[in-house]
Amino acid sequence: MTLSAVPHTSYDMQIPVLNEPERRGRIFNIQRFSLNDGQGIRTLVFFKGCPHRCPWCANPESMSPRIQVIKRQAKCLNCRTCLQDPNECPSGAMEYVGEDITLPALMTRLLKDEIFFRSSGGGVTLSGGEVLMQYAFAGQLLRQLQALGISTAIETAGDAPLDHLLALTDHCDQVLYDFKMMDPALARSVLNMNQPRVLQNFTALTQRGVKLLPRIPLIPGFTLTPENMRQILDFLKPFKLTEIHLLPFHKYGEAKYPLLDKPYSMHQTKVPDAATIAPFYAMAEKYGYNVTLGG
């Protein structure tokens, strides 16, 4: 779903958390033909719900685990036909953000791109939000994809009980693992993140031989500091990984915030230029990494 910046109102539908976690998932987008987030041509499944509150989040529609409704006032006919139900809206002014989907239905949609996966060495990547919030359903999905020989990956911050994480990584060919704020107190207060658990889980995954790709978002005022970068690289050094991705801050998601009645606190933050990024790139290279910007 693509959200555009149009005058609107929004609200969360009072739909409870799914009580059949292995049979149904709640997603908000399926992005096809992606060349990022894993090797080859990939289809990304974006899961709804995230326990973290990163101020720079490019997918604010992922934060709430509930299905939301957006009303675009510019399209509204004031006819009251819809009575708050997007399915009855004659002008398309109202739309859902999020859908519940069964495992067979999702597999059917994903397998439409199977030929591209096999010809390019690509596959399916589960993203969010935070996919660990729906680990039971996501684990079943990954298991079925792997059984068909389709490459699988997840994007995660790793902040969940280890057994939830293993339910996914045991069926993953690659885990894109984000490192954000290393200071535990700041991570807790700013991001609502249990940073010690993030590091413990990463260590546990390396011990199980999981293929891990560290990623570092470079966010001015938060993660884009030499000390934070140094702490991440020092933590990673004993694992002798060869590749790392740096994800420079961007504002691609800014237009979605007003649609969801959410404030965007990064409005005044400047997107870092190449000169600002260069020392962090060089630092990662000095630690012996093959560095990719973006990805």
C-alpha atoms as a PDB file:
ATOM      1  CA  MET A   1       0.000   0.000   0.000  1.00  0.00           C
ATOM      2  CA  THR A   2       1.297   3.441  -0.881  1.00  0.00           C
ATOM      3  CA  LEU A   3       0.191   6.281   1.367  1.00  0.00           C
ATOM      4  CA  SER A   4       0.173   9.786  -0.038  1.00  0.00           C
ATOM      5  CA  ALA A   5       0.087  13.021   1.878  1.00  0.00           C
ATOM      6  CA  VAL A   6      -3.564  14.059   1.571  1.00  0.00           C
ATOM      7  CA  PRO A   7      -5.698  15.688   4.309  1.00  0.00           C
ATOM      8  CA  HIS A   8      -7.184  12.854   6.298  1.00  0.00           C
ATOM      9  CA  THR A   9      -8.232  11.389   9.554  1.00  0.00           C
ATOM     10  CA  SER A  10      -7.235   7.971  10.857  1.00  0.00           C
ATOM     11  CA  TYR A  11      -8.083   5.580  13.638  1.00  0.00           C
ATOM     12  CA  ASP A  12      -7.315   2.062  14.818  1.00  0.00           C
ATOM     13  CA  MET A  13      -9.985  -0.553  14.286  1.00  0.00           C
ATOM     14  CA  GLN A  14     -10.782  -2.436  17.462  1.00  0.00           C
ATOM     15  CA  ILE A  15      -9.656  -5.795  16.115  1.00  0.00           C
ATOM     16  CA  PRO A  16      -7.995  -7.963  18.763  1.00  0.00           C
ATOM     17  CA  VAL A  17      -4.585  -9.549  18.482  1.00  0.00           C
ATOM     18  CA  LEU A  18      -4.809 -12.710  16.413  1.00  0.00           C
ATOM     19  CA  ASN A  19      -5.694 -15.788  18.472  1.00  0.00           C
ATOM     20  CA  GLU A  20      -4.577 -18.259  15.800  1.00  0.00           C
ATOM     21  CA  PRO A  21      -0.947 -17.145  15.460  1.00  0.00           C
ATOM     22  CA  GLU A  22       0.123 -20.099  13.334  1.00  0.00           C
ATOM     23  CA  ARG A  23      -2.800 -19.848  10.892  1.00  0.00           C
ATOM     24  CA  ARG A  24      -3.131 -16.142  10.237  1.00  0.00           C
ATOM     25  CA  GLY A  25      -0.730 -13.259  10.006  1.00  0.00           C
ATOM     26  CA  ARG A  26      -1.281  -9.520   9.941  1.00  0.00           C
ATOM     27  CA  ILE A  27       0.637  -7.698   7.227  1.00  0.00           C
ATOM     28  CA  PHE A  28       0.453  -4.255   5.678  1.00  0.00           C
ATOM     29  CA  ASN A  29       2.348  -4.607   2.427  1.00  0.00           C
ATOM     30  CA  ILE A  30       3.875  -7.067  -0.013  1.00  0.00           C
ATOM     31  CA  GLN A  31       6.632  -5.469  -2.073  1.00  0.00           C
ATOM     32  CA  ARG A  32       7.637  -7.366  -5.199  1.00  0.00           C
ATOM     33  CA  PHE A  33      10.760  -7.171  -7.354  1.00  0.00           C
ATOM     34  CA  SER A  34      13.017  -5.718  -4.662  1.00  0.00           C
ATOM     35  CA  LEU A  35      16.762  -5.756  -5.271  1.00  0.00           C
ATOM     36  CA  ASN A  36      17.603  -4.989  -1.655  1.00  0.00           C
ATOM     37  CA  ASP A  37      17.079  -6.802   1.649  1.00  0.00           C
ATOM     38  CA  GLY A  38      18.796  -9.964   0.523  1.00  0.00           C
ATOM     39  CA  GLN A  39      20.310 -11.454  -2.622  1.00  0.00           C
ATOM     40  CA  GLY A  40      18.675 -11.520  -6.043  1.00  0.00           C
ATOM     41  CA  ILE A  41      15.125 -10.449  -6.854  1.00  0.00           C
ATOM     42  CA  ARG A  42      13.089 -10.606  -3.674  1.00  0.00           C
ATOM     43  CA  THR A  43       9.546 -10.227  -2.450  1.00  0.00           C
ATOM     44  CA  LEU A  44       9.256  -8.474   0.901  1.00  0.00           C
ATOM     45  CA  VAL A  45       6.430  -9.199   3.317  1.00  0.00           C
ATOM     46  CA  PHE A  46       5.894  -6.405   5.829  1.00  0.00           C
ATOM     47  CA  PHE A  47       4.388  -7.566   9.122  1.00  0.00           C
ATOM     48  CA  LYS A  48       2.283  -5.201  11.209  1.00  0.00           C
ATOM     49  CA  GLY A  49       3.223  -4.336  14.774  1.00  0.00           C
ATOM     50  CA  CYS A  50       6.474  -3.218  16.392  1.00  0.00           C
ATOM     51  CA  PRO A  51       7.457  -2.917  20.074  1.00  0.00           C
ATOM     52  CA  HIS A  52      10.003  -0.198  19.312  1.00  0.00           C
ATOM     53  CA  ARG A  53       9.513   3.493  18.728  1.00  0.00           C
ATOM     54  CA  CYS A  54      12.370   4.619  16.506  1.00  0.00           C
ATOM     55  CA  PRO A  55      11.811   8.328  15.744  1.00  0.00           C
ATOM     56  CA  TRP A  56      13.210   7.843  12.232  1.00  0.00           C
ATOM     57  CA  CYS A  57      10.985   4.906  11.274  1.00  0.00           C
ATOM     58  CA  ALA A  58      10.202   4.906   7.550  1.00  0.00           C
ATOM     59  CA  ASN A  59       7.160   2.660   8.042  1.00  0.00           C
ATOM     60  CA  PRO A  60       5.042   4.325  10.736  1.00  0.00           C
ATOM     61  CA  GLU A  61       2.052   2.284   9.555  1.00  0.00           C
ATOM     62  CA  SER A  62       3.911  -0.739  10.906  1.00  0.00           C
ATOM     63  CA  MET A  63       3.959   0.430  14.521  1.00  0.00           C
ATOM     64  CA  SER A  64       0.420  -0.381  15.606  1.00  0.00           C
ATOM     65  CA  PRO A  65      -0.473  -4.094  15.585  1.00  0.00           C
ATOM     66  CA  ARG A  66      -4.084  -3.163  14.826  1.00  0.00           C
ATOM     67  CA  ILE A  67      -5.655  -2.745  11.427  1.00  0.00           C
ATOM     68  CA  GLN A  68      -6.033   0.976  10.842  1.00  0.00           C
ATOM     69  CA  VAL A  69      -8.301   3.025   8.625  1.00  0.00           C
ATOM     70  CA  ILE A  70      -7.279   6.195   6.852  1.00  0.00           C
ATOM     71  CA  LYS A  71      -9.795   8.679   5.565  1.00  0.00           C
ATOM     72  CA  ARG A  72      -8.659  11.118   2.881  1.00  0.00           C
ATOM     73  CA  GLN A  73     -10.787  14.204   3.337  1.00  0.00           C
ATOM     74  CA  ALA A  74     -10.000  15.510  -0.152  1.00  0.00           C
ATOM     75  CA  LYS A  75     -11.740  12.480  -1.685  1.00  0.00           C
ATOM     76  CA  CYS A  76     -14.642  12.337   0.756  1.00  0.00           C
ATOM     77  CA  LEU A  77     -18.126  12.968  -0.710  1.00  0.00           C
ATOM     78  CA  ASN A  78     -19.665  13.452   2.752  1.00  0.00           C
ATOM     79  CA  CYS A  79     -22.301  10.982   1.673  1.00  0.00           C
ATOM     80  CA  ARG A  80     -22.100   8.889   4.855  1.00  0.00           C
ATOM     81  CA  THR A  81     -22.548   5.782   2.706  1.00  0.00           C
ATOM     82  CA  CYS A  82     -19.440   4.167   4.108  1.00  0.00           C
ATOM     83  CA  LEU A  83     -20.382   4.603   7.785  1.00  0.00           C
ATOM     84  CA  GLN A  84     -16.701   4.124   8.633  1.00  0.00           C
ATOM     85  CA  ASP A  85     -16.352   0.973   6.494  1.00  0.00           C
ATOM     86  CA  PRO A  86     -13.801   1.370   3.671  1.00  0.00           C
ATOM     87  CA  ASN A  87     -15.445  -1.449   1.729  1.00  0.00           C
ATOM     88  CA  GLU A  88     -18.561   0.719   1.358  1.00  0.00           C
ATOM     89  CA  CYS A  89     -16.760   3.946   0.432  1.00  0.00           C
ATOM     90  CA  PRO A  90     -17.778   4.961  -3.132  1.00  0.00           C
ATOM     91  CA  SER A  91     -14.952   7.460  -3.662  1.00  0.00           C
ATOM     92  CA  GLY A  92     -12.003   5.547  -2.238  1.00  0.00           C
ATOM     93  CA  ALA A  93     -11.548   8.158   0.474  1.00  0.00           C
ATOM     94  CA  MET A  94     -11.232   5.454   3.113  1.00  0.00           C
ATOM     95  CA  GLU A  95      -8.808   2.562   3.061  1.00  0.00           C
ATOM     96  CA  TYR A  96      -7.472  -0.104   5.375  1.00  0.00           C
ATOM     97  CA  VAL A  97      -3.880  -0.180   6.536  1.00  0.00           C
ATOM     98  CA  GLY A  98      -3.234  -3.834   7.263  1.00  0.00           C
ATOM     99  CA  GLU A  99      -4.895  -7.126   6.464  1.00  0.00           C
ATOM    100  CA  ASP A 100      -5.210 -10.547   8.038  1.00  0.00           C
ATOM    101  CA  ILE A 101      -4.104 -13.361   5.763  1.00  0.00           C
ATOM    102  CA  THR A 102      -3.975 -17.127   6.007  1.00  0.00           C
ATOM    103  CA  LEU A 103      -0.808 -19.055   5.342  1.00  0.00           C
ATOM    104  CA  PRO A 104      -2.129 -20.711   2.129  1.00  0.00           C
ATOM    105  CA  ALA A 105      -3.336 -17.361   0.787  1.00  0.00           C
ATOM    106  CA  LEU A 106       0.013 -15.705   1.460  1.00  0.00           C
ATOM    107  CA  MET A 107       1.938 -18.600  -0.084  1.00  0.00           C
ATOM    108  CA  THR A 108      -0.209 -18.323  -3.218  1.00  0.00           C
ATOM    109  CA  ARG A 109       0.646 -14.648  -3.573  1.00  0.00           C
ATOM    110  CA  LEU A 110       4.350 -15.184  -2.951  1.00  0.00           C
ATOM    111  CA  LEU A 111       4.705 -18.093  -5.369  1.00  0.00           C
ATOM    112  CA  LYS A 112       3.590 -15.887  -8.245  1.00  0.00           C
ATOM    113  CA  ASP A 113       7.196 -14.652  -8.241  1.00  0.00           C
ATOM    114  CA  GLU A 114       8.832 -18.067  -7.933  1.00  0.00           C
ATOM    115  CA  ILE A 115      10.340 -17.919 -11.416  1.00  0.00           C
ATOM    116  CA  PHE A 116      12.127 -14.671 -10.529  1.00  0.00           C
ATOM    117  CA  PHE A 117      13.462 -16.145  -7.285  1.00  0.00           C
ATOM    118  CA  ARG A 118      14.919 -19.162  -9.016  1.00  0.00           C
ATOM    119  CA  SER A 119      16.362 -17.288 -12.000  1.00  0.00           C
ATOM    120  CA  SER A 120      18.045 -14.596  -9.896  1.00  0.00           C
ATOM    121  CA  GLY A 121      19.011 -16.432  -6.717  1.00  0.00           C
ATOM    122  CA  GLY A 122      16.452 -14.341  -4.864  1.00  0.00           C
ATOM    123  CA  GLY A 123      13.647 -15.230  -2.510  1.00  0.00           C
ATOM    124  CA  VAL A 124      11.403 -13.901   0.230  1.00  0.00           C
ATOM    125  CA  THR A 125      12.363 -11.535   3.040  1.00  0.00           C
ATOM    126  CA  LEU A 126      10.124 -10.948   6.056  1.00  0.00           C
ATOM    127  CA  SER A 127      10.234  -7.413   7.401  1.00  0.00           C
ATOM    128  CA  GLY A 128       8.066  -5.049   9.407  1.00  0.00           C
ATOM    129  CA  GLY A 129       7.394  -3.614  11.820  1.00  0.00           C
ATOM    130  CA  GLU A 130       9.081  -6.362  13.770  1.00  0.00           C
ATOM    131  CA  VAL A 131       8.415  -9.823  12.402  1.00  0.00           C
ATOM    132  CA  LEU A 132       9.253 -11.374  15.791  1.00  0.00           C
ATOM    133  CA  MET A 133       5.911 -10.110  17.094  1.00  0.00           C
ATOM    134  CA  GLN A 134       4.272 -12.760  14.877  1.00  0.00           C
ATOM    135  CA  TYR A 135       6.948 -15.413  15.220  1.00  0.00           C
ATOM    136  CA  ALA A 136       4.593 -18.426  15.164  1.00  0.00           C
ATOM    137  CA  PHE A 137       2.981 -17.529  11.836  1.00  0.00           C
ATOM    138  CA  ALA A 138       6.232 -16.250  10.351  1.00  0.00           C
ATOM    139  CA  GLY A 139       8.042 -19.426  11.348  1.00  0.00           C
ATOM    140  CA  GLN A 140       5.466 -21.577   9.570  1.00  0.00           C
ATOM    141  CA  LEU A 141       5.732 -19.387   6.482  1.00  0.00           C
ATOM    142  CA  LEU A 142       9.527 -19.680   6.394  1.00  0.00           C
ATOM    143  CA  ARG A 143       9.330 -23.434   6.895  1.00  0.00           C
ATOM    144  CA  GLN A 144       7.038 -23.830   3.874  1.00  0.00           C
ATOM    145  CA  LEU A 145       9.159 -21.575   1.682  1.00  0.00           C
ATOM    146  CA  GLN A 146      12.330 -23.462   2.553  1.00  0.00           C
ATOM    147  CA  ALA A 147      10.626 -26.780   1.865  1.00  0.00           C
ATOM    148  CA  LEU A 148      10.100 -25.534  -1.707  1.00  0.00           C
ATOM    149  CA  GLY A 149      13.738 -24.528  -2.020  1.00  0.00           C
ATOM    150  CA  ILE A 150      13.032 -20.787  -1.903  1.00  0.00           C
ATOM    151  CA  SER A 151      15.662 -18.604  -0.239  1.00  0.00           C
ATOM    152  CA  THR A 152      14.430 -16.992   2.984  1.00  0.00           C
ATOM    153  CA  ALA A 153      15.569 -14.032   5.056  1.00  0.00           C
ATOM    154  CA  ILE A 154      14.271 -11.835   7.853  1.00  0.00           C
ATOM    155  CA  GLU A 155      14.986  -8.287   8.940  1.00  0.00           C
ATOM    156  CA  THR A 156      14.966  -7.873  12.710  1.00  0.00           C
ATOM    157  CA  ALA A 157      16.270  -5.891  15.646  1.00  0.00           C
ATOM    158  CA  GLY A 158      16.571  -9.156  17.577  1.00  0.00           C
ATOM    159  CA  ASP A 159      14.760  -7.878  20.662  1.00  0.00           C
ATOM    160  CA  ALA A 160      12.579 -10.828  21.689  1.00  0.00           C
ATOM    161  CA  PRO A 161      12.894 -14.050  23.702  1.00  0.00           C
ATOM    162  CA  LEU A 162      15.516 -16.264  22.094  1.00  0.00           C
ATOM    163  CA  ASP A 163      13.083 -19.117  21.442  1.00  0.00           C
ATOM    164  CA  HIS A 164      10.892 -16.738  19.416  1.00  0.00           C
ATOM    165  CA  LEU A 165      13.906 -15.732  17.366  1.00  0.00           C
ATOM    166  CA  LEU A 166      14.994 -19.325  16.821  1.00  0.00           C
ATOM    167  CA  ALA A 167      11.517 -20.218  15.540  1.00  0.00           C
ATOM    168  CA  LEU A 168      12.387 -18.024  12.550  1.00  0.00           C
ATOM    169  CA  THR A 169      16.142 -18.326  12.183  1.00  0.00           C
ATOM    170  CA  ASP A 170      16.002 -22.129  12.105  1.00  0.00           C
ATOM    171  CA  HIS A 171      14.279 -21.676   8.724  1.00  0.00           C
ATOM    172  CA  CYS A 172      16.273 -18.697   7.428  1.00  0.00           C
ATOM    173  CA  ASP A 173      19.093 -18.605   4.931  1.00  0.00           C
ATOM    174  CA  GLN A 174      20.072 -15.146   6.179  1.00  0.00           C
ATOM    175  CA  VAL A 175      19.238 -12.797   9.026  1.00  0.00           C
ATOM    176  CA  LEU A 176      19.604  -9.041   8.480  1.00  0.00           C
ATOM    177  CA  TYR A 177      20.274  -7.907  12.042  1.00  0.00           C
ATOM    178  CA  ASP A 178      20.027  -4.239  12.981  1.00  0.00           C
ATOM    179  CA  PHE A 179      22.250  -2.508  15.527  1.00  0.00           C
ATOM    180  CA  LYS A 180      20.977   0.866  16.661  1.00  0.00           C
ATOM    181  CA  MET A 181      21.807   2.547  19.979  1.00  0.00           C
ATOM    182  CA  MET A 182      24.387   0.632  22.001  1.00  0.00           C
ATOM    183  CA  ASP A 183      23.901   2.544  25.239  1.00  0.00           C
ATOM    184  CA  PRO A 184      21.353   0.388  27.151  1.00  0.00           C
ATOM    185  CA  ALA A 185      19.729   3.307  28.969  1.00  0.00           C
ATOM    186  CA  LEU A 186      19.296   5.359  25.795  1.00  0.00           C
ATOM    187  CA  ALA A 187      18.069   2.362  23.840  1.00  0.00           C
ATOM    188  CA  ARG A 188      15.432   1.746  26.490  1.00  0.00           C
ATOM    189  CA  SER A 189      14.301   5.349  26.885  1.00  0.00           C
ATOM    190  CA  VAL A 190      14.408   6.410  23.230  1.00  0.00           C
ATOM    191  CA  LEU A 191      13.590   3.202  21.359  1.00  0.00           C
ATOM    192  CA  ASN A 192      11.915   1.018  23.999  1.00  0.00           C
ATOM    193  CA  MET A 193      14.600  -1.554  23.215  1.00  0.00           C
ATOM    194  CA  ASN A 194      16.279  -4.113  25.473  1.00  0.00           C
ATOM    195  CA  GLN A 195      19.780  -3.685  24.065  1.00  0.00           C
ATOM    196  CA  PRO A 196      21.501  -6.301  26.281  1.00  0.00           C
ATOM    197  CA  ARG A 197      19.036  -8.884  24.968  1.00  0.00           C
ATOM    198  CA  VAL A 198      19.749  -7.775  21.391  1.00  0.00           C
ATOM    199  CA  LEU A 199      23.455  -8.490  21.914  1.00  0.00           C
ATOM    200  CA  GLN A 200      22.866 -11.762  23.766  1.00  0.00           C
ATOM    201  CA  ASN A 201      20.609 -13.027  20.996  1.00  0.00           C
ATOM    202  CA  PHE A 202      23.122 -12.110  18.313  1.00  0.00           C
ATOM    203  CA  THR A 203      25.811 -14.041  20.166  1.00  0.00           C
ATOM    204  CA  ALA A 204      23.516 -17.055  20.520  1.00  0.00           C
ATOM    205  CA  LEU A 205      22.735 -17.029  16.786  1.00  0.00           C
ATOM    206  CA  THR A 206      26.423 -16.980  15.856  1.00  0.00           C
ATOM    207  CA  GLN A 207      26.953 -20.012  18.068  1.00  0.00           C
ATOM    208  CA  ARG A 208      24.255 -21.841  16.114  1.00  0.00           C
ATOM    209  CA  GLY A 209      25.902 -21.011  12.795  1.00  0.00           C
ATOM    210  CA  VAL A 210      23.143 -18.686  11.566  1.00  0.00           C
ATOM    211  CA  LYS A 211      24.246 -16.555   8.608  1.00  0.00           C
ATOM    212  CA  LEU A 212      24.075 -13.019   9.984  1.00  0.00           C
ATOM    213  CA  LEU A 213      24.421  -9.698   8.192  1.00  0.00           C
ATOM    214  CA  PRO A 214      24.817  -6.741  10.605  1.00  0.00           C
ATOM    215  CA  ARG A 215      23.219  -3.480   9.565  1.00  0.00           C
ATOM    216  CA  ILE A 216      23.693  -0.080  11.166  1.00  0.00           C
ATOM    217  CA  PRO A 217      21.215   2.753  10.546  1.00  0.00           C
ATOM    218  CA  LEU A 218      23.131   6.034  10.522  1.00  0.00           C
ATOM    219  CA  ILE A 219      20.736   8.483  12.171  1.00  0.00           C
ATOM    220  CA  PRO A 220      21.888  12.014  13.106  1.00  0.00           C
ATOM    221  CA  GLY A 221      21.363  12.692  16.787  1.00  0.00           C
ATOM    222  CA  PHE A 222      20.909   9.004  17.625  1.00  0.00           C
ATOM    223  CA  THR A 223      23.199   6.392  16.066  1.00  0.00           C
ATOM    224  CA  LEU A 224      25.447   8.555  13.895  1.00  0.00           C
ATOM    225  CA  THR A 225      28.218   9.107  16.445  1.00  0.00           C
ATOM    226  CA  PRO A 226      31.794   7.786  16.386  1.00  0.00           C
ATOM    227  CA  GLU A 227      31.378   6.266  19.855  1.00  0.00           C
ATOM    228  CA  ASN A 228      28.192   4.369  18.990  1.00  0.00           C
ATOM    229  CA  MET A 229      29.790   3.102  15.775  1.00  0.00           C
ATOM    230  CA  ARG A 230      32.925   2.048  17.621  1.00  0.00           C
ATOM    231  CA  GLN A 231      30.924   0.157  20.229  1.00  0.00           C
ATOM    232  CA  ILE A 232      29.027  -1.749  17.552  1.00  0.00           C
ATOM    233  CA  LEU A 233      32.197  -2.667  15.658  1.00  0.00           C
ATOM    234  CA  ASP A 234      33.994  -3.693  18.852  1.00  0.00           C
ATOM    235  CA  PHE A 235      31.086  -5.937  19.797  1.00  0.00           C
ATOM    236  CA  LEU A 236      31.067  -7.558  16.345  1.00  0.00           C
ATOM    237  CA  LYS A 237      34.845  -7.999  16.051  1.00  0.00           C
ATOM    238  CA  PRO A 238      35.131 -11.420  17.786  1.00  0.00           C
ATOM    239  CA  PHE A 239      32.597 -12.958  15.382  1.00  0.00           C
ATOM    240  CA  LYS A 240      34.869 -12.382  12.362  1.00  0.00           C
ATOM    241  CA  LEU A 241      32.075 -11.481   9.963  1.00  0.00           C
ATOM    242  CA  THR A 242      33.100 -10.093   6.595  1.00  0.00           C
ATOM    243  CA  GLU A 243      30.172  -7.928   5.483  1.00  0.00           C
ATOM    244  CA  ILE A 244      28.265  -5.036   6.989  1.00  0.00           C
ATOM    245  CA  HIS A 245      25.578  -2.672   5.671  1.00  0.00           C
ATOM    246  CA  LEU A 246      25.324   0.994   6.613  1.00  0.00           C
ATOM    247  CA  LEU A 247      21.855   2.496   6.223  1.00  0.00           C
ATOM    248  CA  PRO A 248      21.999   6.312   5.967  1.00  0.00           C
ATOM    249  CA  PHE A 249      19.046   8.283   7.305  1.00  0.00           C
ATOM    250  CA  HIS A 250      16.388   9.335   4.789  1.00  0.00           C
ATOM    251  CA  LYS A 251      12.955  10.915   4.947  1.00  0.00           C
ATOM    252  CA  TYR A 252      11.068   8.657   2.543  1.00  0.00           C
ATOM    253  CA  GLY A 253       8.469   7.869   5.188  1.00  0.00           C
ATOM    254  CA  GLU A 254       7.801  11.446   6.316  1.00  0.00           C
ATOM    255  CA  ALA A 255       4.602  11.869   4.268  1.00  0.00           C
ATOM    256  CA  LYS A 256       3.012   8.864   5.983  1.00  0.00           C
ATOM    257  CA  TYR A 257       3.076  10.382   9.469  1.00  0.00           C
ATOM    258  CA  PRO A 258       0.341  12.989   8.991  1.00  0.00           C
ATOM    259  CA  LEU A 259      -1.834  10.352   7.342  1.00  0.00           C
ATOM    260  CA  LEU A 260      -1.659   8.398  10.591  1.00  0.00           C
ATOM    261  CA  ASP A 261      -2.047  11.437  12.865  1.00  0.00           C
ATOM    262  CA  LYS A 262       1.496  10.894  14.107  1.00  0.00           C
ATOM    263  CA  PRO A 263       4.044  13.660  14.688  1.00  0.00           C
ATOM    264  CA  TYR A 264       7.273  13.384  12.736  1.00  0.00           C
ATOM    265  CA  SER A 265      10.046  14.521  15.060  1.00  0.00           C
ATOM    266  CA  MET A 266      12.788  14.239  12.418  1.00  0.00           C
ATOM    267  CA  HIS A 267      11.437  17.011  10.213  1.00  0.00           C
ATOM    268  CA  GLN A 268      14.319  19.381  10.993  1.00  0.00           C
ATOM    269  CA  THR A 269      16.979  16.669  10.816  1.00  0.00           C
ATOM    270  CA  LYS A 270      19.265  16.948   7.805  1.00  0.00           C
ATOM    271  CA  VAL A 271      19.927  13.918   5.654  1.00  0.00           C
ATOM    272  CA  PRO A 272      23.662  13.211   6.050  1.00  0.00           C
ATOM    273  CA  ASP A 273      25.734  13.865   2.950  1.00  0.00           C
ATOM    274  CA  ALA A 274      28.586  11.775   1.597  1.00  0.00           C
ATOM    275  CA  ALA A 275      31.191  13.716   3.563  1.00  0.00           C
ATOM    276  CA  THR A 276      29.354  12.999   6.807  1.00  0.00           C
ATOM    277  CA  ILE A 277      29.020   9.295   6.037  1.00  0.00           C
ATOM    278  CA  ALA A 278      32.606   8.834   4.814  1.00  0.00           C
ATOM    279  CA  PRO A 279      34.323   8.558   8.247  1.00  0.00           C
ATOM    280  CA  PHE A 280      31.861   5.858   9.363  1.00  0.00           C
ATOM    281  CA  TYR A 281      32.361   3.957   6.118  1.00  0.00           C
ATOM    282  CA  ALA A 282      36.138   4.187   6.607  1.00  0.00           C
ATOM    283  CA  MET A 283      35.843   3.041  10.218  1.00  0.00           C
ATOM    284  CA  ALA A 284      33.963  -0.087   9.193  1.00  0.00           C
ATOM    285  CA  GLU A 285      36.508  -0.804   6.465  1.00  0.00           C
ATOM    286  CA  LYS A 286      39.330  -0.408   8.976  1.00  0.00           C
ATOM    287  CA  TYR A 287      37.724  -3.183  11.028  1.00  0.00           C
ATOM    288  CA  GLY A 288      38.003  -5.417   7.954  1.00  0.00           C
ATOM    289  CA  TYR A 289      34.465  -5.320   6.576  1.00  0.00           C
ATOM    290  CA  ASN A 290      33.203  -5.230   3.040  1.00  0.00           C
ATOM    291  CA  VAL A 291      30.876  -2.262   3.416  1.00  0.00           C
ATOM    292  CA  THR A 292      27.651  -1.634   1.513  1.00  0.00           C
ATOM    293  CA  LEU A 293      25.714   1.618   1.751  1.00  0.00           C
ATOM    294  CA  GLY A 294      22.013   0.839   1.838  1.00  0.00           C
ATOM    295  CA  GLY A 295      20.786  -2.651   1.091  1.00  0.00           C
END
